[in-house]
PDB file of N, CA and C in Angstrom:
ATOM      1  N   MET A   1     -19.522   6.764 -20.467  1.00  0.00           N
ATOM      2  CA  MET A   1     -20.313   6.457 -19.293  1.00  0.00           C
ATOM      3  C   MET A   1     -21.035   7.708 -18.811  1.00  0.00           C
ATOM      4  N   ASN A   2     -22.139   7.459 -18.184  1.00  0.00           N
ATOM      5  CA  ASN A   2     -22.838   8.616 -17.624  1.00  0.00           C
ATOM      6  C   ASN A   2     -22.269   8.944 -16.245  1.00  0.00           C
ATOM      7  N   ASN A   3     -22.709  10.029 -15.710  1.00  0.00           N
ATOM      8  CA  ASN A   3     -22.141  10.564 -14.472  1.00  0.00           C
ATOM      9  C   ASN A   3     -22.311   9.607 -13.298  1.00  0.00           C
ATOM     10  N   SER A   4     -23.448   8.952 -13.175  1.00  0.00           N
ATOM     11  CA  SER A   4     -23.674   8.064 -12.030  1.00  0.00           C
ATOM     12  C   SER A   4     -22.808   6.811 -12.135  1.00  0.00           C
ATOM     13  N   ALA A   5     -22.594   6.313 -13.336  1.00  0.00           N
ATOM     14  CA  ALA A   5     -21.733   5.142 -13.509  1.00  0.00           C
ATOM     15  C   ALA A   5     -20.283   5.484 -13.184  1.00  0.00           C
ATOM     16  N   GLU A   6     -19.827   6.658 -13.597  1.00  0.00           N
ATOM     17  CA  GLU A   6     -18.467   7.091 -13.272  1.00  0.00           C
ATOM     18  C   GLU A   6     -18.285   7.236 -11.773  1.00  0.00           C
ATOM     19  N   ARG A   7     -19.289   7.795 -11.127  1.00  0.00           N
ATOM     20  CA  ARG A   7     -19.228   7.964  -9.675  1.00  0.00           C
ATOM     21  C   ARG A   7     -19.185   6.601  -8.989  1.00  0.00           C
ATOM     22  N   LEU A   8     -19.961   5.648  -9.457  1.00  0.00           N
ATOM     23  CA  LEU A   8     -19.981   4.312  -8.878  1.00  0.00           C
ATOM     24  C   LEU A   8     -18.618   3.643  -9.027  1.00  0.00           C
ATOM     25  N   VAL A   9     -18.017   3.744 -10.203  1.00  0.00           N
ATOM     26  CA  VAL A   9     -16.696   3.161 -10.433  1.00  0.00           C
ATOM     27  C   VAL A   9     -15.659   3.850  -9.550  1.00  0.00           C
ATOM     28  N   ARG A  10     -15.706   5.164  -9.486  1.00  0.00           N
ATOM     29  CA  ARG A  10     -14.735   5.926  -8.693  1.00  0.00           C
ATOM     30  C   ARG A  10     -14.800   5.540  -7.220  1.00  0.00           C
ATOM     31  N   TYR A  11     -16.000   5.502  -6.643  1.00  0.00           N
ATOM     32  CA  TYR A  11     -16.131   5.157  -5.233  1.00  0.00           C
ATOM     33  C   TYR A  11     -15.867   3.677  -4.977  1.00  0.00           C
ATOM     34  N   GLY A  12     -16.169   2.835  -5.950  1.00  0.00           N
ATOM     35  CA  GLY A  12     -15.854   1.414  -5.818  1.00  0.00           C
ATOM     36  C   GLY A  12     -14.358   1.175  -5.762  1.00  0.00           C
ATOM     37  N   LEU A  13     -13.604   1.858  -6.624  1.00  0.00           N
ATOM     38  CA  LEU A  13     -12.145   1.739  -6.603  1.00  0.00           C
ATOM     39  C   LEU A  13     -11.566   2.332  -5.322  1.00  0.00           C
ATOM     40  N   LEU A  14     -12.120   3.430  -4.871  1.00  0.00           N
ATOM     41  CA  LEU A  14     -11.663   4.029  -3.615  1.00  0.00           C
ATOM     42  C   LEU A  14     -11.898   3.075  -2.445  1.00  0.00           C
ATOM     43  N   ALA A  15     -13.059   2.455  -2.400  1.00  0.00           N
ATOM     44  CA  ALA A  15     -13.364   1.512  -1.326  1.00  0.00           C
ATOM     45  C   ALA A  15     -12.426   0.312  -1.377  1.00  0.00           C
ATOM     46  N   ALA A  16     -12.136  -0.192  -2.573  1.00  0.00           N
ATOM     47  CA  ALA A  16     -11.215  -1.325  -2.712  1.00  0.00           C
ATOM     48  C   ALA A  16      -9.820  -0.938  -2.234  1.00  0.00           C
ATOM     49  N   ALA A  17      -9.368   0.262  -2.583  1.00  0.00           N
ATOM     50  CA  ALA A  17      -8.043   0.715  -2.159  1.00  0.00           C
ATOM     51  C   ALA A  17      -7.966   0.849  -0.640  1.00  0.00           C
ATOM     52  N   VAL A  18      -9.003   1.392  -0.035  1.00  0.00           N
ATOM     53  CA  VAL A  18      -9.014   1.551   1.423  1.00  0.00           C
ATOM     54  C   VAL A  18      -9.023   0.189   2.107  1.00  0.00           C
ATOM     55  N   LEU A  19      -9.801  -0.749   1.592  1.00  0.00           N
ATOM     56  CA  LEU A  19      -9.850  -2.089   2.186  1.00  0.00           C
ATOM     57  C   LEU A  19      -8.516  -2.808   2.057  1.00  0.00           C
ATOM     58  N   LEU A  20      -7.865  -2.693   0.899  1.00  0.00           N
ATOM     59  CA  LEU A  20      -6.574  -3.350   0.720  1.00  0.00           C
ATOM     60  C   LEU A  20      -5.493  -2.710   1.587  1.00  0.00           C
ATOM     61  N   ALA A  21      -5.527  -1.404   1.733  1.00  0.00           N
ATOM     62  CA  ALA A  21      -4.572  -0.734   2.617  1.00  0.00           C
ATOM     63  C   ALA A  21      -4.798  -1.165   4.070  1.00  0.00           C
ATOM     64  N   ALA A  22      -6.038  -1.269   4.483  1.00  0.00           N
ATOM     65  CA  ALA A  22      -6.344  -1.711   5.844  1.00  0.00           C
ATOM     66  C   ALA A  22      -5.899  -3.156   6.065  1.00  0.00           C
ATOM     67  N   ALA A  23      -6.068  -3.999   5.062  1.00  0.00           N
ATOM     68  CA  ALA A  23      -5.634  -5.387   5.181  1.00  0.00           C
ATOM     69  C   ALA A  23      -4.116  -5.462   5.323  1.00  0.00           C
ATOM     70  N   GLY A  24      -3.399  -4.651   4.573  1.00  0.00           N
ATOM     71  CA  GLY A  24      -1.944  -4.627   4.682  1.00  0.00           C
ATOM     72  C   GLY A  24      -1.487  -4.141   6.043  1.00  0.00           C
ATOM     73  N   LEU A  25      -2.157  -3.130   6.571  1.00  0.00           N
ATOM     74  CA  LEU A  25      -1.818  -2.640   7.906  1.00  0.00           C
ATOM     75  C   LEU A  25      -2.138  -3.677   8.979  1.00  0.00           C
ATOM     76  N   ALA A  26      -3.241  -4.383   8.821  1.00  0.00           N
ATOM     77  CA  ALA A  26      -3.625  -5.399   9.795  1.00  0.00           C
ATOM     78  C   ALA A  26      -2.622  -6.546   9.815  1.00  0.00           C
ATOM     79  N   ARG A  27      -2.030  -6.838   8.658  1.00  0.00           N
ATOM     80  CA  ARG A  27      -1.033  -7.907   8.573  1.00  0.00           C
ATOM     81  C   ARG A  27       0.368  -7.413   8.898  1.00  0.00           C
ATOM     82  N   ARG A  28       0.497  -6.139   9.249  1.00  0.00           N
ATOM     83  CA  ARG A  28       1.760  -5.504   9.619  1.00  0.00           C
ATOM     84  C   ARG A  28       2.804  -5.601   8.506  1.00  0.00           C
ATOM     85  N   GLU A  29       2.335  -5.500   7.266  1.00  0.00           N
ATOM     86  CA  GLU A  29       3.242  -5.570   6.131  1.00  0.00           C
ATOM     87  C   GLU A  29       4.119  -4.331   6.039  1.00  0.00           C
ATOM     88  N   HIS A  30       3.647  -3.208   6.570  1.00  0.00           N
ATOM     89  CA  HIS A  30       4.457  -1.995   6.538  1.00  0.00           C
ATOM     90  C   HIS A  30       5.736  -2.150   7.347  1.00  0.00           C
ATOM     91  N   VAL A  31       5.698  -2.950   8.408  1.00  0.00           N
ATOM     92  CA  VAL A  31       6.891  -3.182   9.221  1.00  0.00           C
ATOM     93  C   VAL A  31       7.912  -3.992   8.423  1.00  0.00           C
ATOM     94  N   GLU A  32       7.435  -5.010   7.721  1.00  0.00           N
ATOM     95  CA  GLU A  32       8.333  -5.844   6.919  1.00  0.00           C
ATOM     96  C   GLU A  32       8.981  -5.039   5.794  1.00  0.00           C
ATOM     97  N   VAL A  33       8.216  -4.198   5.166  1.00  0.00           N
ATOM     98  CA  VAL A  33       8.759  -3.361   4.092  1.00  0.00           C
ATOM     99  C   VAL A  33       9.822  -2.418   4.638  1.00  0.00           C
ATOM    100  N   MET A  34       9.577  -1.832   5.794  1.00  0.00           N
ATOM    101  CA  MET A  34      10.548  -0.919   6.395  1.00  0.00           C
ATOM    102  C   MET A  34      11.826  -1.655   6.777  1.00  0.00           C
ATOM    103  N   GLU A  35      11.701  -2.866   7.324  1.00  0.00           N
ATOM    104  CA  GLU A  35      12.885  -3.651   7.686  1.00  0.00           C
ATOM    105  C   GLU A  35      13.727  -3.974   6.455  1.00  0.00           C
ATOM    106  N   LYS A  36      13.068  -4.339   5.369  1.00  0.00           N
ATOM    107  CA  LYS A  36      13.794  -4.641   4.137  1.00  0.00           C
ATOM    108  C   LYS A  36      14.460  -3.393   3.568  1.00  0.00           C
ATOM    109  N   ALA A  37      13.792  -2.266   3.656  1.00  0.00           N
ATOM    110  CA  ALA A  37      14.362  -1.017   3.150  1.00  0.00           C
ATOM    111  C   ALA A  37      15.599  -0.620   3.949  1.00  0.00           C
ATOM    112  N   VAL A  38      15.550  -0.779   5.256  1.00  0.00           N
ATOM    113  CA  VAL A  38      16.706  -0.450   6.095  1.00  0.00           C
ATOM    114  C   VAL A  38      17.867  -1.374   5.764  1.00  0.00           C
ATOM    115  N   THR A  39      17.592  -2.651   5.583  1.00  0.00           N
ATOM    116  CA  THR A  39      18.646  -3.606   5.247  1.00  0.00           C
ATOM    117  C   THR A  39      19.308  -3.246   3.924  1.00  0.00           C
ATOM    118  N   ILE A  40      18.511  -2.942   2.934  1.00  0.00           N
ATOM    119  CA  ILE A  40      19.060  -2.575   1.624  1.00  0.00           C
ATOM    120  C   ILE A  40      19.875  -1.290   1.737  1.00  0.00           C
ATOM    121  N   CYS A  41      19.399  -0.324   2.491  1.00  0.00           N
ATOM    122  CA  CYS A  41      20.101   0.948   2.647  1.00  0.00           C
ATOM    123  C   CYS A  41      21.436   0.726   3.341  1.00  0.00           C
ATOM    124  N   LEU A  42      21.455  -0.078   4.382  1.00  0.00           N
ATOM    125  CA  LEU A  42      22.702  -0.339   5.091  1.00  0.00           C
ATOM    126  C   LEU A  42      23.694  -1.098   4.210  1.00  0.00           C
ATOM    127  N   GLU A  43      23.194  -1.992   3.365  1.00  0.00           N
ATOM    128  CA  GLU A  43      24.087  -2.701   2.446  1.00  0.00           C
ATOM    129  C   GLU A  43      24.681  -1.749   1.411  1.00  0.00           C
ATOM    130  N   CYS A  44      23.905  -0.770   0.999  1.00  0.00           N
ATOM    131  CA  CYS A  44      24.395   0.184  -0.002  1.00  0.00           C
ATOM    132  C   CYS A  44      25.551   1.032   0.525  1.00  0.00           C
ATOM    133  N   ILE A  45      25.491   1.385   1.814  1.00  0.00           N
ATOM    134  CA  ILE A  45      26.566   2.228   2.340  1.00  0.00           C
ATOM    135  C   ILE A  45      27.674   1.391   2.974  1.00  0.00           C
ATOM    136  N   GLY A  46      27.544   0.072   2.931  1.00  0.00           N
ATOM    137  CA  GLY A  46      28.614  -0.821   3.351  1.00  0.00           C
ATOM    138  C   GLY A  46      28.639  -1.171   4.824  1.00  0.00           C
ATOM    139  N   ILE A  47      27.569  -0.917   5.540  1.00  0.00           N
ATOM    140  CA  ILE A  47      27.550  -1.236   6.967  1.00  0.00           C
ATOM    141  C   ILE A  47      26.952  -2.639   7.203  1.00  0.00           C
ATOM    142  N   GLY A  48      25.912  -2.962   6.453  1.00  0.00           N
ATOM    143  CA  GLY A  48      25.171  -4.193   6.729  1.00  0.00           C
ATOM    144  C   GLY A  48      25.607  -5.384   6.020  1.00  0.00           C
TER     145      GLY A  48
END
């Protein structure tokens, strides 16, 4: 690929990643992941 095509692909993937991360934050998926991680951690040490 030439330089401009590589740049287009690179920025296109970056834009897609930023949009998907923003969508996950808007849906508060990070909170659900953290809750599941805490539950698994507590089960591992025998508290939960």
